[in-house]
């Protein structure tokens, strides 16, 4: 019998990979942009906090299923403007990766069962 209280294995990995990728990309963005200004630092630190959220979701997708939708919103909030206002190839690539991750988060939400009562 299929255990319906367990998320597919790929869901855990998807969120963990997203957390690692996001943390690396955000730290790298600070290194390559020159002098860091306060709004950029605030954005980066807030986005880094969300990478921790993705890691936590990856630890127990069924328990944190509702948080997946916040992840979809976070990826869209960066990905859509990054593509619409692209200032260069790097911005387009990073924006596209975020949108792909966001689609994966949405798919993960659909395939992850509701928390058992």
PDB file of N, CA and C in Angstrom:
ATOM      1  N   UNK A   1       0.839  -1.189   0.000  1.00  0.00           N
ATOM      2  CA  UNK A   1       0.000   0.000   0.000  1.00  0.00           C
ATOM      3  C   UNK A   1       0.883   1.251   0.000  1.00  0.00           C
ATOM      4  N   UNK A   2       0.522   2.229  -0.790  1.00  0.00           N
ATOM      5  CA  UNK A   2       1.271   3.474  -0.911  1.00  0.00           C
ATOM      6  C   UNK A   2       1.050   4.340   0.324  1.00  0.00           C
ATOM      7  N   UNK A   3       2.147   4.824   0.893  1.00  0.00           N
ATOM      8  CA  UNK A   3       2.057   5.717   2.050  1.00  0.00           C
ATOM      9  C   UNK A   3       1.760   7.124   1.536  1.00  0.00           C
ATOM     10  N   UNK A   4       0.543   7.590   1.747  1.00  0.00           N
ATOM     11  CA  UNK A   4       0.137   8.889   1.211  1.00  0.00           C
ATOM     12  C   UNK A   4       0.533  10.051   2.110  1.00  0.00           C
ATOM     13  N   UNK A   5       1.179   9.769   3.247  1.00  0.00           N
ATOM     14  CA  UNK A   5       1.595  10.856   4.135  1.00  0.00           C
ATOM     15  C   UNK A   5       3.044  11.266   3.888  1.00  0.00           C
ATOM     16  N   UNK A   6       3.641  10.728   2.829  1.00  0.00           N
ATOM     17  CA  UNK A   6       5.037  11.032   2.511  1.00  0.00           C
ATOM     18  C   UNK A   6       5.105  11.718   1.148  1.00  0.00           C
ATOM     19  N   UNK A   7       5.854  12.794   1.094  1.00  0.00           N
ATOM     20  CA  UNK A   7       6.040  13.496  -0.180  1.00  0.00           C
ATOM     21  C   UNK A   7       6.989  12.694  -1.063  1.00  0.00           C
ATOM     22  N   UNK A   8       6.848  12.805  -2.379  1.00  0.00           N
ATOM     23  CA  UNK A   8       7.814  12.162  -3.264  1.00  0.00           C
ATOM     24  C   UNK A   8       9.237  12.627  -2.930  1.00  0.00           C
ATOM     25  N   UNK A   9      10.190  11.753  -3.097  1.00  0.00           N
ATOM     26  CA  UNK A   9      11.580  12.038  -2.728  1.00  0.00           C
ATOM     27  C   UNK A   9      12.130  13.283  -3.443  1.00  0.00           C
ATOM     28  N   UNK A  10      11.721  13.490  -4.689  1.00  0.00           N
ATOM     29  CA  UNK A  10      12.274  14.615  -5.446  1.00  0.00           C
ATOM     30  C   UNK A  10      11.914  15.963  -4.822  1.00  0.00           C
ATOM     31  N   UNK A  11      10.789  16.008  -4.094  1.00  0.00           N
ATOM     32  CA  UNK A  11      10.366  17.264  -3.474  1.00  0.00           C
ATOM     33  C   UNK A  11      11.415  17.728  -2.463  1.00  0.00           C
ATOM     34  N   UNK A  12      11.877  16.810  -1.629  1.00  0.00           N
ATOM     35  CA  UNK A  12      12.918  17.147  -0.652  1.00  0.00           C
ATOM     36  C   UNK A  12      14.157  17.700  -1.354  1.00  0.00           C
ATOM     37  N   UNK A  13      14.593  17.008  -2.384  1.00  0.00           N
ATOM     38  CA  UNK A  13      15.798  17.422  -3.098  1.00  0.00           C
ATOM     39  C   UNK A  13      15.603  18.752  -3.814  1.00  0.00           C
ATOM     40  N   UNK A  14      14.427  18.952  -4.383  1.00  0.00           N
ATOM     41  CA  UNK A  14      14.164  20.204  -5.117  1.00  0.00           C
ATOM     42  C   UNK A  14      14.335  21.417  -4.200  1.00  0.00           C
ATOM     43  N   UNK A  15      13.764  21.321  -2.995  1.00  0.00           N
ATOM     44  CA  UNK A  15      13.867  22.448  -2.054  1.00  0.00           C
ATOM     45  C   UNK A  15      15.280  22.592  -1.509  1.00  0.00           C
ATOM     46  N   UNK A  16      15.957  21.495  -1.271  1.00  0.00           N
ATOM     47  CA  UNK A  16      17.332  21.577  -0.765  1.00  0.00           C
ATOM     48  C   UNK A  16      18.271  22.177  -1.816  1.00  0.00           C
ATOM     49  N   UNK A  17      18.140  21.735  -3.059  1.00  0.00           N
ATOM     50  CA  UNK A  17      18.968  22.283  -4.138  1.00  0.00           C
ATOM     51  C   UNK A  17      18.662  23.769  -4.329  1.00  0.00           C
ATOM     52  N   UNK A  18      17.381  24.131  -4.257  1.00  0.00           N
ATOM     53  CA  UNK A  18      17.003  25.542  -4.385  1.00  0.00           C
ATOM     54  C   UNK A  18      17.637  26.374  -3.276  1.00  0.00           C
ATOM     55  N   UNK A  19      17.670  25.844  -2.059  1.00  0.00           N
ATOM     56  CA  UNK A  19      18.264  26.566  -0.932  1.00  0.00           C
ATOM     57  C   UNK A  19      19.762  26.772  -1.136  1.00  0.00           C
ATOM     58  N   UNK A  20      20.441  25.744  -1.570  1.00  0.00           N
ATOM     59  CA  UNK A  20      21.892  25.845  -1.788  1.00  0.00           C
ATOM     60  C   UNK A  20      22.190  26.794  -2.946  1.00  0.00           C
ATOM     61  N   UNK A  21      21.493  26.605  -4.064  1.00  0.00           N
ATOM     62  CA  UNK A  21      21.689  27.483  -5.215  1.00  0.00           C
ATOM     63  C   UNK A  21      21.425  28.945  -4.835  1.00  0.00           C
ATOM     64  N   UNK A  22      20.305  29.179  -4.153  1.00  0.00           N
ATOM     65  CA  UNK A  22      19.944  30.541  -3.784  1.00  0.00           C
ATOM     66  C   UNK A  22      20.969  31.195  -2.887  1.00  0.00           C
ATOM     67  N   UNK A  23      21.445  30.447  -1.893  1.00  0.00           N
ATOM     68  CA  UNK A  23      22.446  31.010  -0.976  1.00  0.00           C
ATOM     69  C   UNK A  23      23.728  31.353  -1.729  1.00  0.00           C
ATOM     70  N   UNK A  24      24.168  30.453  -2.590  1.00  0.00           N
ATOM     71  CA  UNK A  24      25.396  30.708  -3.361  1.00  0.00           C
ATOM     72  C   UNK A  24      25.221  31.905  -4.306  1.00  0.00           C
ATOM     73  N   UNK A  25      24.090  31.962  -4.985  1.00  0.00           N
ATOM     74  CA  UNK A  25      23.848  33.057  -5.929  1.00  0.00           C
ATOM     75  C   UNK A  25      23.767  34.401  -5.209  1.00  0.00           C
ATOM     76  N   UNK A  26      23.131  34.418  -4.055  1.00  0.00           N
ATOM     77  CA  UNK A  26      22.989  35.677  -3.317  1.00  0.00           C
ATOM     78  C   UNK A  26      24.323  36.170  -2.767  1.00  0.00           C
ATOM     79  N   UNK A  27      25.105  35.271  -2.212  1.00  0.00           N
ATOM     80  CA  UNK A  27      26.421  35.666  -1.701  1.00  0.00           C
ATOM     81  C   UNK A  27      27.307  36.127  -2.860  1.00  0.00           C
ATOM     82  N   UNK A  28      27.237  35.410  -3.976  1.00  0.00           N
ATOM     83  CA  UNK A  28      28.022  35.804  -5.153  1.00  0.00           C
ATOM     84  C   UNK A  28      27.595  37.175  -5.661  1.00  0.00           C
ATOM     85  N   UNK A  29      26.304  37.472  -5.597  1.00  0.00           N
ATOM     86  CA  UNK A  29      25.838  38.776  -6.080  1.00  0.00           C
ATOM     87  C   UNK A  29      26.431  39.913  -5.263  1.00  0.00           C
ATOM     88  N   UNK A  30      26.649  39.687  -3.988  1.00  0.00           N
ATOM     89  CA  UNK A  30      27.297  40.715  -3.161  1.00  0.00           C
ATOM     90  C   UNK A  30      28.755  40.903  -3.551  1.00  0.00           C
ATOM     91  N   UNK A  31      29.393  39.817  -3.959  1.00  0.00           N
ATOM     92  CA  UNK A  31      30.814  39.871  -4.289  1.00  0.00           C
ATOM     93  C   UNK A  31      31.089  40.562  -5.619  1.00  0.00           C
ATOM     94  N   UNK A  32      30.147  40.493  -6.553  1.00  0.00           N
ATOM     95  CA  UNK A  32      30.423  41.005  -7.895  1.00  0.00           C
ATOM     96  C   UNK A  32      29.821  42.373  -8.185  1.00  0.00           C
ATOM     97  N   UNK A  33      29.063  42.930  -7.265  1.00  0.00           N
ATOM     98  CA  UNK A  33      28.370  44.188  -7.570  1.00  0.00           C
ATOM     99  C   UNK A  33      29.101  45.436  -7.107  1.00  0.00           C
ATOM    100  N   UNK A  34      30.243  45.282  -6.500  1.00  0.00           N
ATOM    101  CA  UNK A  34      30.956  46.462  -6.028  1.00  0.00           C
ATOM    102  C   UNK A  34      30.476  46.857  -4.653  1.00  0.00           C
ATOM    103  N   UNK A  35      30.569  48.156  -4.324  1.00  0.00           N
ATOM    104  CA  UNK A  35      30.144  48.595  -2.993  1.00  0.00           C
ATOM    105  C   UNK A  35      28.672  48.251  -2.737  1.00  0.00           C
ATOM    106  N   UNK A  36      28.411  47.682  -1.575  1.00  0.00           N
ATOM    107  CA  UNK A  36      27.060  47.261  -1.228  1.00  0.00           C
ATOM    108  C   UNK A  36      26.327  48.425  -0.576  1.00  0.00           C
ATOM    109  N   UNK A  37      25.134  48.720  -1.076  1.00  0.00           N
ATOM    110  CA  UNK A  37      24.311  49.769  -0.476  1.00  0.00           C
ATOM    111  C   UNK A  37      23.246  49.103   0.405  1.00  0.00           C
ATOM    112  N   UNK A  38      22.706  49.856   1.329  1.00  0.00           N
ATOM    113  CA  UNK A  38      21.780  49.309   2.321  1.00  0.00           C
ATOM    114  C   UNK A  38      20.583  48.572   1.703  1.00  0.00           C
ATOM    115  N   UNK A  39      19.886  49.121   0.703  1.00  0.00           N
ATOM    116  CA  UNK A  39      18.748  48.377   0.143  1.00  0.00           C
ATOM    117  C   UNK A  39      19.166  47.029  -0.451  1.00  0.00           C
ATOM    118  N   UNK A  40      20.310  47.000  -1.108  1.00  0.00           N
ATOM    119  CA  UNK A  40      20.792  45.745  -1.674  1.00  0.00           C
ATOM    120  C   UNK A  40      21.104  44.742  -0.564  1.00  0.00           C
ATOM    121  N   UNK A  41      21.741  45.205   0.493  1.00  0.00           N
ATOM    122  CA  UNK A  41      22.068  44.327   1.610  1.00  0.00           C
ATOM    123  C   UNK A  41      20.796  43.806   2.272  1.00  0.00           C
ATOM    124  N   UNK A  42      19.808  44.668   2.451  1.00  0.00           N
ATOM    125  CA  UNK A  42      18.540  44.256   3.062  1.00  0.00           C
ATOM    126  C   UNK A  42      17.844  43.210   2.197  1.00  0.00           C
ATOM    127  N   UNK A  43      17.808  43.435   0.880  1.00  0.00           N
ATOM    128  CA  UNK A  43      17.215  42.457  -0.033  1.00  0.00           C
ATOM    129  C   UNK A  43      17.942  41.133   0.068  1.00  0.00           C
ATOM    130  N   UNK A  44      19.259  41.171   0.032  1.00  0.00           N
ATOM    131  CA  UNK A  44      20.053  39.946   0.041  1.00  0.00           C
ATOM    132  C   UNK A  44      19.859  39.170   1.341  1.00  0.00           C
ATOM    133  N   UNK A  45      19.863  39.851   2.459  1.00  0.00           N
ATOM    134  CA  UNK A  45      19.690  39.163   3.737  1.00  0.00           C
ATOM    135  C   UNK A  45      18.283  38.582   3.869  1.00  0.00           C
ATOM    136  N   UNK A  46      17.284  39.305   3.377  1.00  0.00           N
ATOM    137  CA  UNK A  46      15.917  38.776   3.396  1.00  0.00           C
ATOM    138  C   UNK A  46      15.809  37.548   2.498  1.00  0.00           C
ATOM    139  N   UNK A  47      16.396  37.628   1.323  1.00  0.00           N
ATOM    140  CA  UNK A  47      16.376  36.484   0.412  1.00  0.00           C
ATOM    141  C   UNK A  47      17.158  35.301   0.986  1.00  0.00           C
ATOM    142  N   UNK A  48      18.252  35.581   1.690  1.00  0.00           N
ATOM    143  CA  UNK A  48      18.999  34.496   2.342  1.00  0.00           C
ATOM    144  C   UNK A  48      18.152  33.815   3.416  1.00  0.00           C
ATOM    145  N   UNK A  49      17.346  34.602   4.121  1.00  0.00           N
ATOM    146  CA  UNK A  49      16.452  34.009   5.117  1.00  0.00           C
ATOM    147  C   UNK A  49      15.474  33.044   4.447  1.00  0.00           C
ATOM    148  N   UNK A  50      15.031  33.389   3.259  1.00  0.00           N
ATOM    149  CA  UNK A  50      14.118  32.497   2.546  1.00  0.00           C
ATOM    150  C   UNK A  50      14.816  31.204   2.129  1.00  0.00           C
ATOM    151  N   UNK A  51      16.115  31.241   1.920  1.00  0.00           N
ATOM    152  CA  UNK A  51      16.834  30.000   1.584  1.00  0.00           C
ATOM    153  C   UNK A  51      16.784  29.038   2.764  1.00  0.00           C
ATOM    154  N   UNK A  52      16.808  29.592   3.970  1.00  0.00           N
ATOM    155  CA  UNK A  52      16.660  28.765   5.171  1.00  0.00           C
ATOM    156  C   UNK A  52      15.262  28.138   5.191  1.00  0.00           C
ATOM    157  N   UNK A  53      14.261  28.910   4.810  1.00  0.00           N
ATOM    158  CA  UNK A  53      12.891  28.383   4.738  1.00  0.00           C
ATOM    159  C   UNK A  53      12.830  27.221   3.748  1.00  0.00           C
ATOM    160  N   UNK A  54      13.474  27.371   2.590  1.00  0.00           N
ATOM    161  CA  UNK A  54      13.472  26.286   1.600  1.00  0.00           C
ATOM    162  C   UNK A  54      14.137  25.035   2.175  1.00  0.00           C
ATOM    163  N   UNK A  55      15.211  25.208   2.917  1.00  0.00           N
ATOM    164  CA  UNK A  55      15.901  24.071   3.534  1.00  0.00           C
ATOM    165  C   UNK A  55      14.967  23.370   4.525  1.00  0.00           C
ATOM    166  N   UNK A  56      14.248  24.160   5.314  1.00  0.00           N
ATOM    167  CA  UNK A  56      13.318  23.588   6.293  1.00  0.00           C
ATOM    168  C   UNK A  56      12.191  22.833   5.591  1.00  0.00           C
ATOM    169  N   UNK A  57      11.644  23.401   4.531  1.00  0.00           N
ATOM    170  CA  UNK A  57      10.604  22.707   3.765  1.00  0.00           C
ATOM    171  C   UNK A  57      11.141  21.382   3.255  1.00  0.00           C
ATOM    172  N   UNK A  58      12.362  21.379   2.760  1.00  0.00           N
ATOM    173  CA  UNK A  58      12.972  20.151   2.264  1.00  0.00           C
ATOM    174  C   UNK A  58      13.130  19.095   3.338  1.00  0.00           C
ATOM    175  N   UNK A  59      13.217  19.508   4.580  1.00  0.00           N
ATOM    176  CA  UNK A  59      13.352  18.557   5.686  1.00  0.00           C
ATOM    177  C   UNK A  59      12.053  17.803   5.940  1.00  0.00           C
ATOM    178  N   UNK A  60      10.912  18.458   5.785  1.00  0.00           N
ATOM    179  CA  UNK A  60       9.611  17.826   6.047  1.00  0.00           C
ATOM    180  C   UNK A  60       8.542  18.463   5.160  1.00  0.00           C
ATOM    181  N   UNK A  61       8.511  18.074   3.876  1.00  0.00           N
ATOM    182  CA  UNK A  61       7.583  18.712   2.934  1.00  0.00           C
ATOM    183  C   UNK A  61       6.109  18.590   3.322  1.00  0.00           C
ATOM    184  N   UNK A  62       5.717  17.490   3.900  1.00  0.00           N
ATOM    185  CA  UNK A  62       4.306  17.332   4.263  1.00  0.00           C
ATOM    186  C   UNK A  62       3.936  18.332   5.360  1.00  0.00           C
ATOM    187  N   UNK A  63       4.781  18.451   6.350  1.00  0.00           N
ATOM    188  CA  UNK A  63       4.510  19.364   7.464  1.00  0.00           C
ATOM    189  C   UNK A  63       4.473  20.822   6.996  1.00  0.00           C
ATOM    190  N   UNK A  64       5.366  21.178   6.077  1.00  0.00           N
ATOM    191  CA  UNK A  64       5.492  22.574   5.648  1.00  0.00           C
ATOM    192  C   UNK A  64       4.917  22.817   4.256  1.00  0.00           C
ATOM    193  N   UNK A  65       3.970  21.993   3.843  1.00  0.00           N
ATOM    194  CA  UNK A  65       3.377  22.092   2.509  1.00  0.00           C
ATOM    195  C   UNK A  65       2.835  23.495   2.226  1.00  0.00           C
ATOM    196  N   UNK A  66       2.144  24.093   3.185  1.00  0.00           N
ATOM    197  CA  UNK A  66       1.553  25.421   2.968  1.00  0.00           C
ATOM    198  C   UNK A  66       2.623  26.467   2.667  1.00  0.00           C
ATOM    199  N   UNK A  67       3.814  26.303   3.213  1.00  0.00           N
ATOM    200  CA  UNK A  67       4.906  27.253   2.974  1.00  0.00           C
ATOM    201  C   UNK A  67       5.413  27.200   1.530  1.00  0.00           C
ATOM    202  N   UNK A  68       5.126  26.099   0.839  1.00  0.00           N
ATOM    203  CA  UNK A  68       5.570  25.982  -0.555  1.00  0.00           C
ATOM    204  C   UNK A  68       4.999  27.095  -1.412  1.00  0.00           C
ATOM    205  N   UNK A  69       3.763  27.490  -1.132  1.00  0.00           N
ATOM    206  CA  UNK A  69       3.140  28.565  -1.917  1.00  0.00           C
ATOM    207  C   UNK A  69       3.838  29.900  -1.684  1.00  0.00           C
ATOM    208  N   UNK A  70       4.350  30.118  -0.482  1.00  0.00           N
ATOM    209  CA  UNK A  70       5.151  31.322  -0.230  1.00  0.00           C
ATOM    210  C   UNK A  70       6.425  31.277  -1.070  1.00  0.00           C
ATOM    211  N   UNK A  71       6.974  30.082  -1.233  1.00  0.00           N
ATOM    212  CA  UNK A  71       8.156  29.920  -2.080  1.00  0.00           C
ATOM    213  C   UNK A  71       7.858  30.220  -3.537  1.00  0.00           C
ATOM    214  N   UNK A  72       6.689  29.796  -3.998  1.00  0.00           N
ATOM    215  CA  UNK A  72       6.271  30.111  -5.376  1.00  0.00           C
ATOM    216  C   UNK A  72       6.194  31.630  -5.549  1.00  0.00           C
ATOM    217  N   UNK A  73       5.588  32.300  -4.574  1.00  0.00           N
ATOM    218  CA  UNK A  73       5.468  33.765  -4.644  1.00  0.00           C
ATOM    219  C   UNK A  73       6.839  34.429  -4.629  1.00  0.00           C
ATOM    220  N   UNK A  74       7.740  33.931  -3.784  1.00  0.00           N
ATOM    221  CA  UNK A  74       9.082  34.514  -3.693  1.00  0.00           C
ATOM    222  C   UNK A  74       9.835  34.364  -5.017  1.00  0.00           C
ATOM    223  N   UNK A  75       9.723  33.204  -5.629  1.00  0.00           N
ATOM    224  CA  UNK A  75      10.421  32.986  -6.904  1.00  0.00           C
ATOM    225  C   UNK A  75       9.814  33.852  -8.007  1.00  0.00           C
ATOM    226  N   UNK A  76       8.498  33.994  -8.019  1.00  0.00           N
ATOM    227  CA  UNK A  76       7.855  34.851  -9.009  1.00  0.00           C
ATOM    228  C   UNK A  76       8.163  36.320  -8.793  1.00  0.00           C
ATOM    229  N   UNK A  77       8.250  36.718  -7.519  1.00  0.00           N
ATOM    230  CA  UNK A  77       8.519  38.129  -7.196  1.00  0.00           C
ATOM    231  C   UNK A  77       9.887  38.572  -7.679  1.00  0.00           C
ATOM    232  N   UNK A  78      10.813  37.650  -7.825  1.00  0.00           N
ATOM    233  CA  UNK A  78      12.109  38.007  -8.388  1.00  0.00           C
ATOM    234  C   UNK A  78      12.185  37.662  -9.875  1.00  0.00           C
ATOM    235  N   UNK A  79      11.725  36.472 -10.226  1.00  0.00           N
ATOM    236  CA  UNK A  79      11.886  35.991 -11.601  1.00  0.00           C
ATOM    237  C   UNK A  79      11.189  36.827 -12.655  1.00  0.00           C
ATOM    238  N   UNK A  80       9.966  37.222 -12.390  1.00  0.00           N
ATOM    239  CA  UNK A  80       9.207  37.998 -13.384  1.00  0.00           C
ATOM    240  C   UNK A  80       9.853  39.362 -13.630  1.00  0.00           C
ATOM    241  N   UNK A  81      10.129  40.159 -12.589  1.00  0.00           N
ATOM    242  CA  UNK A  81      10.790  41.441 -12.848  1.00  0.00           C
ATOM    243  C   UNK A  81      12.195  41.278 -13.440  1.00  0.00           C
ATOM    244  N   UNK A  82      12.898  40.238 -13.041  1.00  0.00           N
ATOM    245  CA  UNK A  82      14.243  40.032 -13.585  1.00  0.00           C
ATOM    246  C   UNK A  82      14.193  39.832 -15.093  1.00  0.00           C
ATOM    247  N   UNK A  83      13.200  39.104 -15.567  1.00  0.00           N
ATOM    248  CA  UNK A  83      13.076  38.912 -17.015  1.00  0.00           C
ATOM    249  C   UNK A  83      12.519  40.161 -17.695  1.00  0.00           C
ATOM    250  N   UNK A  84      11.568  40.817 -17.057  1.00  0.00           N
ATOM    251  CA  UNK A  84      10.938  41.995 -17.669  1.00  0.00           C
ATOM    252  C   UNK A  84      11.888  43.190 -17.736  1.00  0.00           C
ATOM    253  N   UNK A  85      12.738  43.320 -16.732  1.00  0.00           N
ATOM    254  CA  UNK A  85      13.629  44.481 -16.652  1.00  0.00           C
ATOM    255  C   UNK A  85      15.089  44.102 -16.873  1.00  0.00           C
ATOM    256  N   UNK A  86      15.300  43.000 -17.534  1.00  0.00           N
ATOM    257  CA  UNK A  86      16.644  42.435 -17.673  1.00  0.00           C
ATOM    258  C   UNK A  86      17.655  43.467 -18.141  1.00  0.00           C
ATOM    259  N   UNK A  87      18.734  43.558 -17.365  1.00  0.00           N
ATOM    260  CA  UNK A  87      19.803  44.470 -17.714  1.00  0.00           C
ATOM    261  C   UNK A  87      20.964  43.757 -18.380  1.00  0.00           C
ATOM    262  N   UNK A  88      20.850  42.476 -18.553  1.00  0.00           N
ATOM    263  CA  UNK A  88      21.918  41.716 -19.175  1.00  0.00           C
ATOM    264  C   UNK A  88      21.623  40.232 -19.125  1.00  0.00           C
ATOM    265  N   UNK A  89      22.476  39.460 -19.743  1.00  0.00           N
ATOM    266  CA  UNK A  89      22.289  38.014 -19.844  1.00  0.00           C
ATOM    267  C   UNK A  89      22.266  37.345 -18.474  1.00  0.00           C
ATOM    268  N   UNK A  90      23.122  37.771 -17.570  1.00  0.00           N
ATOM    269  CA  UNK A  90      23.170  37.159 -16.241  1.00  0.00           C
ATOM    270  C   UNK A  90      21.830  37.319 -15.520  1.00  0.00           C
ATOM    271  N   UNK A  91      21.219  38.482 -15.640  1.00  0.00           N
ATOM    272  CA  UNK A  91      19.927  38.727 -15.000  1.00  0.00           C
ATOM    273  C   UNK A  91      18.850  37.837 -15.602  1.00  0.00           C
ATOM    274  N   UNK A  92      18.874  37.671 -16.904  1.00  0.00           N
ATOM    275  CA  UNK A  92      17.902  36.798 -17.580  1.00  0.00           C
ATOM    276  C   UNK A  92      18.081  35.354 -17.117  1.00  0.00           C
ATOM    277  N   UNK A  93      19.305  34.894 -17.041  1.00  0.00           N
ATOM    278  CA  UNK A  93      19.579  33.510 -16.634  1.00  0.00           C
ATOM    279  C   UNK A  93      19.117  33.277 -15.197  1.00  0.00           C
ATOM    280  N   UNK A  94      19.494  34.159 -14.287  1.00  0.00           N
ATOM    281  CA  UNK A  94      19.121  33.996 -12.879  1.00  0.00           C
ATOM    282  C   UNK A  94      17.606  34.102 -12.725  1.00  0.00           C
ATOM    283  N   UNK A  95      16.974  35.017 -13.431  1.00  0.00           N
ATOM    284  CA  UNK A  95      15.513  35.139 -13.376  1.00  0.00           C
ATOM    285  C   UNK A  95      14.821  33.896 -13.902  1.00  0.00           C
ATOM    286  N   UNK A  96      15.328  33.342 -14.997  1.00  0.00           N
ATOM    287  CA  UNK A  96      14.749  32.123 -15.563  1.00  0.00           C
ATOM    288  C   UNK A  96      14.915  30.942 -14.611  1.00  0.00           C
ATOM    289  N   UNK A  97      16.073  30.828 -13.984  1.00  0.00           N
ATOM    290  CA  UNK A  97      16.296  29.750 -13.020  1.00  0.00           C
ATOM    291  C   UNK A  97      15.306  29.885 -11.868  1.00  0.00           C
ATOM    292  N   UNK A  98      15.098  31.098 -11.366  1.00  0.00           N
ATOM    293  CA  UNK A  98      14.147  31.290 -10.275  1.00  0.00           C
ATOM    294  C   UNK A  98      12.730  30.900 -10.706  1.00  0.00           C
ATOM    295  N   UNK A  99      12.340  31.243 -11.912  1.00  0.00           N
ATOM    296  CA  UNK A  99      11.003  30.865 -12.371  1.00  0.00           C
ATOM    297  C   UNK A  99      10.869  29.352 -12.514  1.00  0.00           C
ATOM    298  N   UNK A 100      11.917  28.690 -12.979  1.00  0.00           N
ATOM    299  CA  UNK A 100      11.903  27.223 -13.074  1.00  0.00           C
ATOM    300  C   UNK A 100      11.774  26.613 -11.676  1.00  0.00           C
ATOM    301  N   UNK A 101      12.542  27.146 -10.727  1.00  0.00           N
ATOM    302  CA  UNK A 101      12.431  26.656  -9.351  1.00  0.00           C
ATOM    303  C   UNK A 101      11.018  26.893  -8.810  1.00  0.00           C
ATOM    304  N   UNK A 102      10.441  28.044  -9.116  1.00  0.00           N
ATOM    305  CA  UNK A 102       9.081  28.351  -8.666  1.00  0.00           C
ATOM    306  C   UNK A 102       8.053  27.393  -9.244  1.00  0.00           C
ATOM    307  N   UNK A 103       8.191  27.044 -10.513  1.00  0.00           N
ATOM    308  CA  UNK A 103       7.289  26.054 -11.121  1.00  0.00           C
ATOM    309  C   UNK A 103       7.458  24.712 -10.408  1.00  0.00           C
ATOM    310  N   UNK A 104       8.698  24.360 -10.100  1.00  0.00           N
ATOM    311  CA  UNK A 104       8.945  23.125  -9.347  1.00  0.00           C
ATOM    312  C   UNK A 104       8.310  23.168  -7.966  1.00  0.00           C
ATOM    313  N   UNK A 105       8.355  24.334  -7.314  1.00  0.00           N
ATOM    314  CA  UNK A 105       7.711  24.474  -6.005  1.00  0.00           C
ATOM    315  C   UNK A 105       6.200  24.258  -6.127  1.00  0.00           C
ATOM    316  N   UNK A 106       5.606  24.803  -7.189  1.00  0.00           N
ATOM    317  CA  UNK A 106       4.169  24.639  -7.393  1.00  0.00           C
ATOM    318  C   UNK A 106       3.827  23.172  -7.663  1.00  0.00           C
ATOM    319  N   UNK A 107       4.609  22.524  -8.494  1.00  0.00           N
ATOM    320  CA  UNK A 107       4.390  21.093  -8.743  1.00  0.00           C
ATOM    321  C   UNK A 107       4.553  20.290  -7.458  1.00  0.00           C
ATOM    322  N   UNK A 108       5.546  20.651  -6.655  1.00  0.00           N
ATOM    323  CA  UNK A 108       5.763  19.976  -5.376  1.00  0.00           C
ATOM    324  C   UNK A 108       4.551  20.138  -4.474  1.00  0.00           C
ATOM    325  N   UNK A 109       3.950  21.321  -4.477  1.00  0.00           N
ATOM    326  CA  UNK A 109       2.768  21.554  -3.657  1.00  0.00           C
ATOM    327  C   UNK A 109       1.626  20.634  -4.088  1.00  0.00           C
ATOM    328  N   UNK A 110       1.472  20.464  -5.403  1.00  0.00           N
ATOM    329  CA  UNK A 110       0.401  19.597  -5.894  1.00  0.00           C
ATOM    330  C   UNK A 110       0.618  18.122  -5.542  1.00  0.00           C
ATOM    331  N   UNK A 111       1.859  17.651  -5.564  1.00  0.00           N
ATOM    332  CA  UNK A 111       2.113  16.223  -5.333  1.00  0.00           C
ATOM    333  C   UNK A 111       2.357  15.870  -3.872  1.00  0.00           C
ATOM    334  N   UNK A 112       2.522  16.891  -3.028  1.00  0.00           N
ATOM    335  CA  UNK A 112       2.748  16.623  -1.602  1.00  0.00           C
ATOM    336  C   UNK A 112       1.407  16.481  -0.912  1.00  0.00           C
ATOM    337  N   UNK A 113       1.212  15.375  -0.197  1.00  0.00           N
ATOM    338  CA  UNK A 113      -0.080  15.163   0.465  1.00  0.00           C
ATOM    339  C   UNK A 113      -0.287  16.144   1.611  1.00  0.00           C
ATOM    340  N   UNK A 114      -1.550  16.351   1.930  1.00  0.00           N
ATOM    341  CA  UNK A 114      -1.910  17.162   3.073  1.00  0.00           C
ATOM    342  C   UNK A 114      -1.412  16.471   4.340  1.00  0.00           C
ATOM    343  N   UNK A 115      -1.101  17.258   5.325  1.00  0.00           N
ATOM    344  CA  UNK A 115      -0.626  16.711   6.604  1.00  0.00           C
ATOM    345  C   UNK A 115      -1.706  15.827   7.211  1.00  0.00           C
ATOM    346  N   UNK A 116      -1.288  14.648   7.650  1.00  0.00           N
ATOM    347  CA  UNK A 116      -2.237  13.713   8.272  1.00  0.00           C
ATOM    348  C   UNK A 116      -2.806  14.316   9.548  1.00  0.00           C
ATOM    349  N   UNK A 117      -4.092  14.132   9.725  1.00  0.00           N
ATOM    350  CA  UNK A 117      -4.760  14.688  10.916  1.00  0.00           C
ATOM    351  C   UNK A 117      -4.500  13.844  12.155  1.00  0.00           C
TER     352      UNK A 117
END
